[in-house]
Protein backbone atom coordinates (compact mmCIF):
# COMPACT_ATOMS: atom_id res chain seq x y z
CA UNK A 1 -86.28 100.82 -5.71
CA UNK A 2 -83.44 103.51 -5.19
CA UNK A 3 -85.19 105.40 -2.80
CA UNK A 4 -86.87 105.44 0.84
CA UNK A 5 -89.74 107.42 -0.62
CA UNK A 6 -90.71 104.97 -3.24
CA UNK A 7 -92.38 102.91 -0.29
CA UNK A 8 -95.74 103.49 1.07
CA UNK A 9 -95.42 101.77 4.49
CA UNK A 10 -92.85 101.15 7.10
CA UNK A 11 -93.19 97.82 9.08
CA UNK A 12 -91.55 98.66 12.22
CA UNK A 13 -89.86 96.55 14.64
CA UNK A 14 -90.29 98.01 18.44
CA UNK A 15 -88.15 96.74 21.00
CA UNK A 16 -84.60 97.24 20.23
CA UNK A 17 -85.46 99.87 17.42
CA UNK A 18 -88.02 102.25 19.04
CA UNK A 19 -87.60 101.12 22.69
CA UNK A 20 -84.32 100.64 24.36
CA UNK A 21 -84.83 97.05 24.76
CA UNK A 22 -81.54 96.33 26.53
CA UNK A 23 -81.42 99.17 29.16
CA UNK A 24 -85.15 98.00 29.99
CA UNK A 25 -84.02 94.50 30.41
CA UNK A 26 -81.14 95.23 32.69
CA UNK A 27 -83.21 97.86 34.76
CA UNK A 28 -85.97 95.00 35.19
CA UNK A 29 -83.09 92.54 36.52
CA UNK A 30 -81.76 95.07 38.90
CA UNK A 31 -83.69 93.85 41.81
CA UNK A 32 -82.67 90.33 41.55
CA UNK A 33 -79.04 91.16 41.14
CA UNK A 34 -78.95 93.50 43.88
CA UNK A 35 -80.82 90.81 46.07
CA UNK A 36 -77.85 88.41 45.30
CA UNK A 37 -75.19 91.32 45.63
CA UNK A 38 -74.02 90.30 42.07
CA UNK A 39 -74.71 94.09 40.49
CA UNK A 40 -71.09 93.50 39.42
CA UNK A 41 -71.95 90.83 36.55
CA UNK A 42 -71.12 92.08 33.23
CA UNK A 43 -74.01 93.58 31.35
CA UNK A 44 -73.01 92.06 28.17
CA UNK A 45 -72.91 88.70 29.38
CA UNK A 46 -76.71 89.47 30.96
CA UNK A 47 -77.74 90.36 27.71
CA UNK A 48 -76.34 87.30 25.66
CA UNK A 49 -77.72 85.00 28.21
CA UNK A 50 -81.04 86.78 27.98
CA UNK A 51 -81.11 86.61 24.16
CA UNK A 52 -80.30 82.94 24.13
CA UNK A 53 -82.88 81.88 26.72
CA UNK A 54 -85.65 84.05 25.06
CA UNK A 55 -84.57 82.52 21.49
CA UNK A 56 -85.18 79.10 22.71
CA UNK A 57 -88.22 79.98 24.57
CA UNK A 58 -90.05 81.83 21.74
CA UNK A 59 -89.34 78.56 19.39
CA UNK A 60 -90.93 76.28 21.95
CA UNK A 61 -93.64 78.35 23.29
CA UNK A 62 -94.48 80.23 20.36
CA UNK A 63 -98.21 81.00 21.40
CA UNK A 64 -97.12 82.17 24.90
CA UNK A 65 -97.97 85.80 25.53
CA UNK A 66 -94.52 87.84 25.64
CA UNK A 67 -95.05 88.98 29.32
CA UNK A 68 -95.54 85.43 30.53
CA UNK A 69 -92.63 84.12 28.60
CA UNK A 70 -90.40 86.68 30.09
CA UNK A 71 -91.69 85.60 33.55
CA UNK A 72 -91.08 82.07 32.83
CA UNK A 73 -87.39 82.78 31.59
CA UNK A 74 -86.57 84.72 34.75
CA UNK A 75 -85.56 81.70 36.68
CA UNK A 76 -83.43 80.36 33.94
CA UNK A 77 -81.45 83.72 33.33
CA UNK A 78 -80.67 83.89 37.13
CA UNK A 79 -79.61 80.19 37.07
CA UNK A 80 -77.54 80.82 34.29
CA UNK A 81 -75.73 83.74 35.88
CA UNK A 82 -75.19 81.69 39.18
CA UNK A 83 -77.92 83.32 41.15
CA UNK A 84 -80.77 81.54 43.39
CA UNK A 85 -84.04 80.60 42.28
CA UNK A 86 -86.41 83.65 42.63
CA UNK A 87 -89.76 83.98 44.10
CA UNK A 88 -92.62 83.80 41.79
CA UNK A 89 -93.79 87.41 42.27
CA UNK A 90 -90.40 88.44 41.31
CA UNK A 91 -90.63 86.60 37.94
CA UNK A 92 -93.89 87.89 37.59
CA UNK A 93 -92.69 91.45 37.95
CA UNK A 94 -89.97 91.04 35.64
CA UNK A 95 -92.53 89.95 32.77
CA UNK A 96 -94.73 92.73 33.70
CA UNK A 97 -91.89 95.37 33.35
CA UNK A 98 -92.07 95.65 29.40
CA UNK A 99 -94.58 98.32 29.38
CA UNK A 100 -92.05 100.61 31.37
CA UNK A 101 -89.31 100.32 29.30
CA UNK A 102 -87.74 103.40 27.90
CA UNK A 103 -87.66 104.82 24.32
CA UNK A 104 -84.78 106.07 22.50
CA UNK A 105 -84.49 109.69 22.73
CA UNK A 106 -85.10 110.21 18.91
CA UNK A 107 -87.87 107.64 18.54
CA UNK A 108 -90.80 109.84 18.94
CA UNK A 109 -89.86 112.71 17.20
CA UNK A 110 -88.70 110.42 14.05
CA UNK A 111 -91.77 108.60 14.18
CA UNK A 112 -94.08 111.68 13.75
CA UNK A 113 -91.77 112.92 10.85
CA UNK A 114 -91.77 109.46 9.13
CA UNK A 115 -95.74 109.46 9.13
CA UNK A 116 -96.06 112.37 7.12
CA UNK A 117 -94.67 110.04 4.47
CA UNK A 118 -95.59 106.47 5.31
CA UNK A 119 -98.38 104.35 6.60
CA UNK A 120 -96.80 103.15 9.94
CA UNK A 121 -97.32 99.68 11.23
CA UNK A 122 -96.14 97.49 14.23
CA UNK A 123 -94.69 94.08 13.61
CA UNK A 124 -93.53 93.20 17.12
CA UNK A 125 -92.36 89.91 19.45
CA UNK A 126 -94.49 91.43 21.92
CA UNK A 127 -98.01 90.96 23.74
CA UNK A 128 -100.85 93.54 23.26
CA UNK A 129 -101.07 94.65 26.93
CA UNK A 130 -97.61 95.39 27.26
CA UNK A 131 -97.28 97.17 23.84
CA UNK A 132 -100.36 99.35 24.46
CA UNK A 133 -98.60 100.23 27.99
CA UNK A 134 -95.55 101.18 26.40
CA UNK A 135 -96.81 103.11 23.45
CA UNK A 136 -98.76 105.11 25.66
CA UNK A 137 -95.97 105.93 28.08
CA UNK A 138 -92.66 105.67 26.34
CA UNK A 139 -93.89 106.47 22.82
CA UNK A 140 -96.08 109.20 23.72
CA UNK A 141 -99.19 107.25 22.47
CA UNK A 142 -98.07 107.28 18.83
CA UNK A 143 -100.96 106.63 16.35
CA UNK A 144 -100.19 103.72 14.25
CA UNK A 145 -102.08 102.52 11.27
CA UNK A 146 -101.98 98.98 12.24
CA UNK A 147 -100.34 97.07 15.17
CA UNK A 148 -99.45 93.30 14.72
CA UNK A 149 -97.97 91.38 17.68
CA UNK A 150 -96.83 87.90 18.18
CA UNK A 151 -99.86 87.39 20.51
CA UNK A 152 -101.89 87.99 17.40
CA UNK A 153 -100.08 86.05 14.98
CA UNK A 154 -99.25 83.06 17.33
CA UNK A 155 -95.52 82.88 16.65
CA UNK A 156 -92.49 85.09 17.00
CA UNK A 157 -89.92 86.48 14.62
CA UNK A 158 -87.87 85.51 12.68
CA UNK A 159 -90.67 82.84 12.04
CA UNK A 160 -91.61 83.98 8.27
CA UNK A 161 -95.30 83.57 9.61
CA UNK A 162 -94.98 86.68 11.23
CA UNK A 163 -94.04 88.45 7.62
CA UNK A 164 -96.70 86.67 5.75
CA UNK A 165 -99.38 87.92 8.47
CA UNK A 166 -98.20 91.28 7.97
CA UNK A 167 -98.29 91.17 4.22
CA UNK A 168 -101.90 89.95 4.24
CA UNK A 169 -103.00 92.54 6.86
CA UNK A 170 -101.58 95.56 5.13
CA UNK A 171 -102.96 94.74 1.78
CA UNK A 172 -106.43 93.80 3.04
CA UNK A 173 -106.60 97.10 5.60
CA UNK A 174 -104.51 99.32 4.07
CA UNK A 175 -104.21 98.71 0.37
CA UNK A 176 -100.41 98.23 0.44
CA UNK A 177 -98.76 95.59 -1.60
CA UNK A 178 -95.84 93.51 -0.17
CA UNK A 179 -92.97 95.17 -2.70
CA UNK A 180 -94.43 98.28 -0.96
CA UNK A 181 -93.34 97.66 2.54
CA UNK A 182 -89.83 98.48 3.95
CA UNK A 183 -89.07 96.48 6.94
CA UNK A 184 -87.29 99.00 9.37
CA UNK A 185 -85.73 97.40 12.30
CA UNK A 186 -82.55 96.98 14.46
CA UNK A 187 -82.43 93.22 14.92
CA UNK A 188 -80.27 91.37 12.32
CA UNK A 189 -81.55 87.84 13.45
CA UNK A 190 -85.32 88.63 13.83
CA UNK A 191 -85.70 91.17 10.98
CA UNK A 192 -83.20 91.66 8.47
CA UNK A 193 -82.61 88.32 7.62
CA UNK A 194 -85.98 86.82 7.31
CA UNK A 195 -86.85 90.02 5.28
CA UNK A 196 -84.05 89.17 2.87
CA UNK A 197 -85.26 85.38 2.59
CA UNK A 198 -88.69 86.85 1.63
CA UNK A 199 -87.41 89.31 -0.96
CA UNK A 200 -88.39 92.23 1.54
CA UNK A 201 -86.29 95.56 1.43
CA UNK A 202 -85.05 96.62 4.98
CA UNK A 203 -83.72 99.50 6.56
CA UNK A 204 -81.32 98.82 9.47
CA UNK A 205 -81.53 101.42 12.37
CA UNK A 206 -78.31 100.24 13.71
CA UNK A 207 -78.39 101.46 17.21
CA UNK A 208 -74.42 101.63 17.98
CA UNK A 209 -73.54 99.63 21.12
CA UNK A 210 -76.68 97.15 20.89
CA UNK A 211 -75.73 93.51 21.47
CA UNK A 212 -79.02 91.53 21.20
CA UNK A 213 -80.32 90.33 17.61
CA UNK A 214 -76.96 91.05 15.99
CA UNK A 215 -75.13 88.53 13.45
CA UNK A 216 -71.88 88.62 12.14
CA UNK A 217 -73.34 88.62 8.44
CA UNK A 218 -75.65 91.81 8.57
CA UNK A 219 -77.94 92.21 5.55
CA UNK A 220 -79.92 95.49 4.52
CA UNK A 221 -80.80 97.73 1.94
CA UNK A 222 -80.18 101.05 4.09
CA UNK A 223 -78.29 101.58 7.08
CA UNK A 224 -78.86 104.32 9.72
CA UNK A 225 -77.32 104.73 13.25
CA UNK A 226 -80.77 106.45 14.40
CA UNK A 227 -84.11 106.47 13.46
CA UNK A 228 -83.78 110.14 13.34
CA UNK A 229 -81.16 109.60 10.65
CA UNK A 230 -83.71 107.91 8.50
CA UNK A 231 -86.07 110.54 8.97
CA UNK A 232 -83.54 113.27 7.87
CA UNK A 233 -82.93 111.15 4.52
CA UNK A 234 -86.51 110.91 3.80
CA UNK A 235 -86.71 114.74 4.29
CA UNK A 236 -83.62 115.11 1.84
CA UNK A 237 -85.47 112.99 -0.75
CA UNK A 238 -88.64 115.15 -0.49
CA UNK A 239 -86.92 118.39 -1.12
CA UNK A 240 -87.30 119.89 -4.58
CA UNK A 241 -84.47 119.45 -6.88
CA UNK A 242 -81.96 122.33 -6.52
CA UNK A 243 -82.73 123.08 -2.83
CA UNK A 244 -80.38 123.06 -0.09
């Protein structure tokens, strides 16, 4: 397929793609850093530490709710950064922070534009309660055609089970075949590489400056810096021939 508009459905990652995952994480860790007087720690080091610890936890505890998984990872992150053991309530607050994380400035407007052309489906490594809060707040109660979370599926991307679950659900509930699905995401690790392994086309929402989820061997069918750029390309494809 040579055009975005040849697809019927966008399977959208959320955290890192629509929600500024890294800014949310750093803000949620600030209370612990301030308490330890360690606010000078390099944000890149913090995010790389989080990515490594989260990845291992998601493999080992694939059925654990995302907010609970983050809470369990919190002491490990602080220990790796040379900080003291947090109080249990501090870790619970960190895990519960997901629903407050901010969206990228272009996310809501771009989603609304894309919805005019595609079925819109969430495929995210999150729990239902956190996503519901985030969608109501940061994503302005955007109306998705289907929401599929790691909590529903019982595993975390890049596990192929998440994608196979999505294929089954979109066919049964929306009448869309797998070749009509375009994976739309920022993370190379969690989305684009498994998508390629499963023969799925993908649109890489690069989000310049992002650290987590990157790989040195990126794969994708289309690449856009922002989701808005993708919406612009769709609009361009839909214009009648010969018009500006």
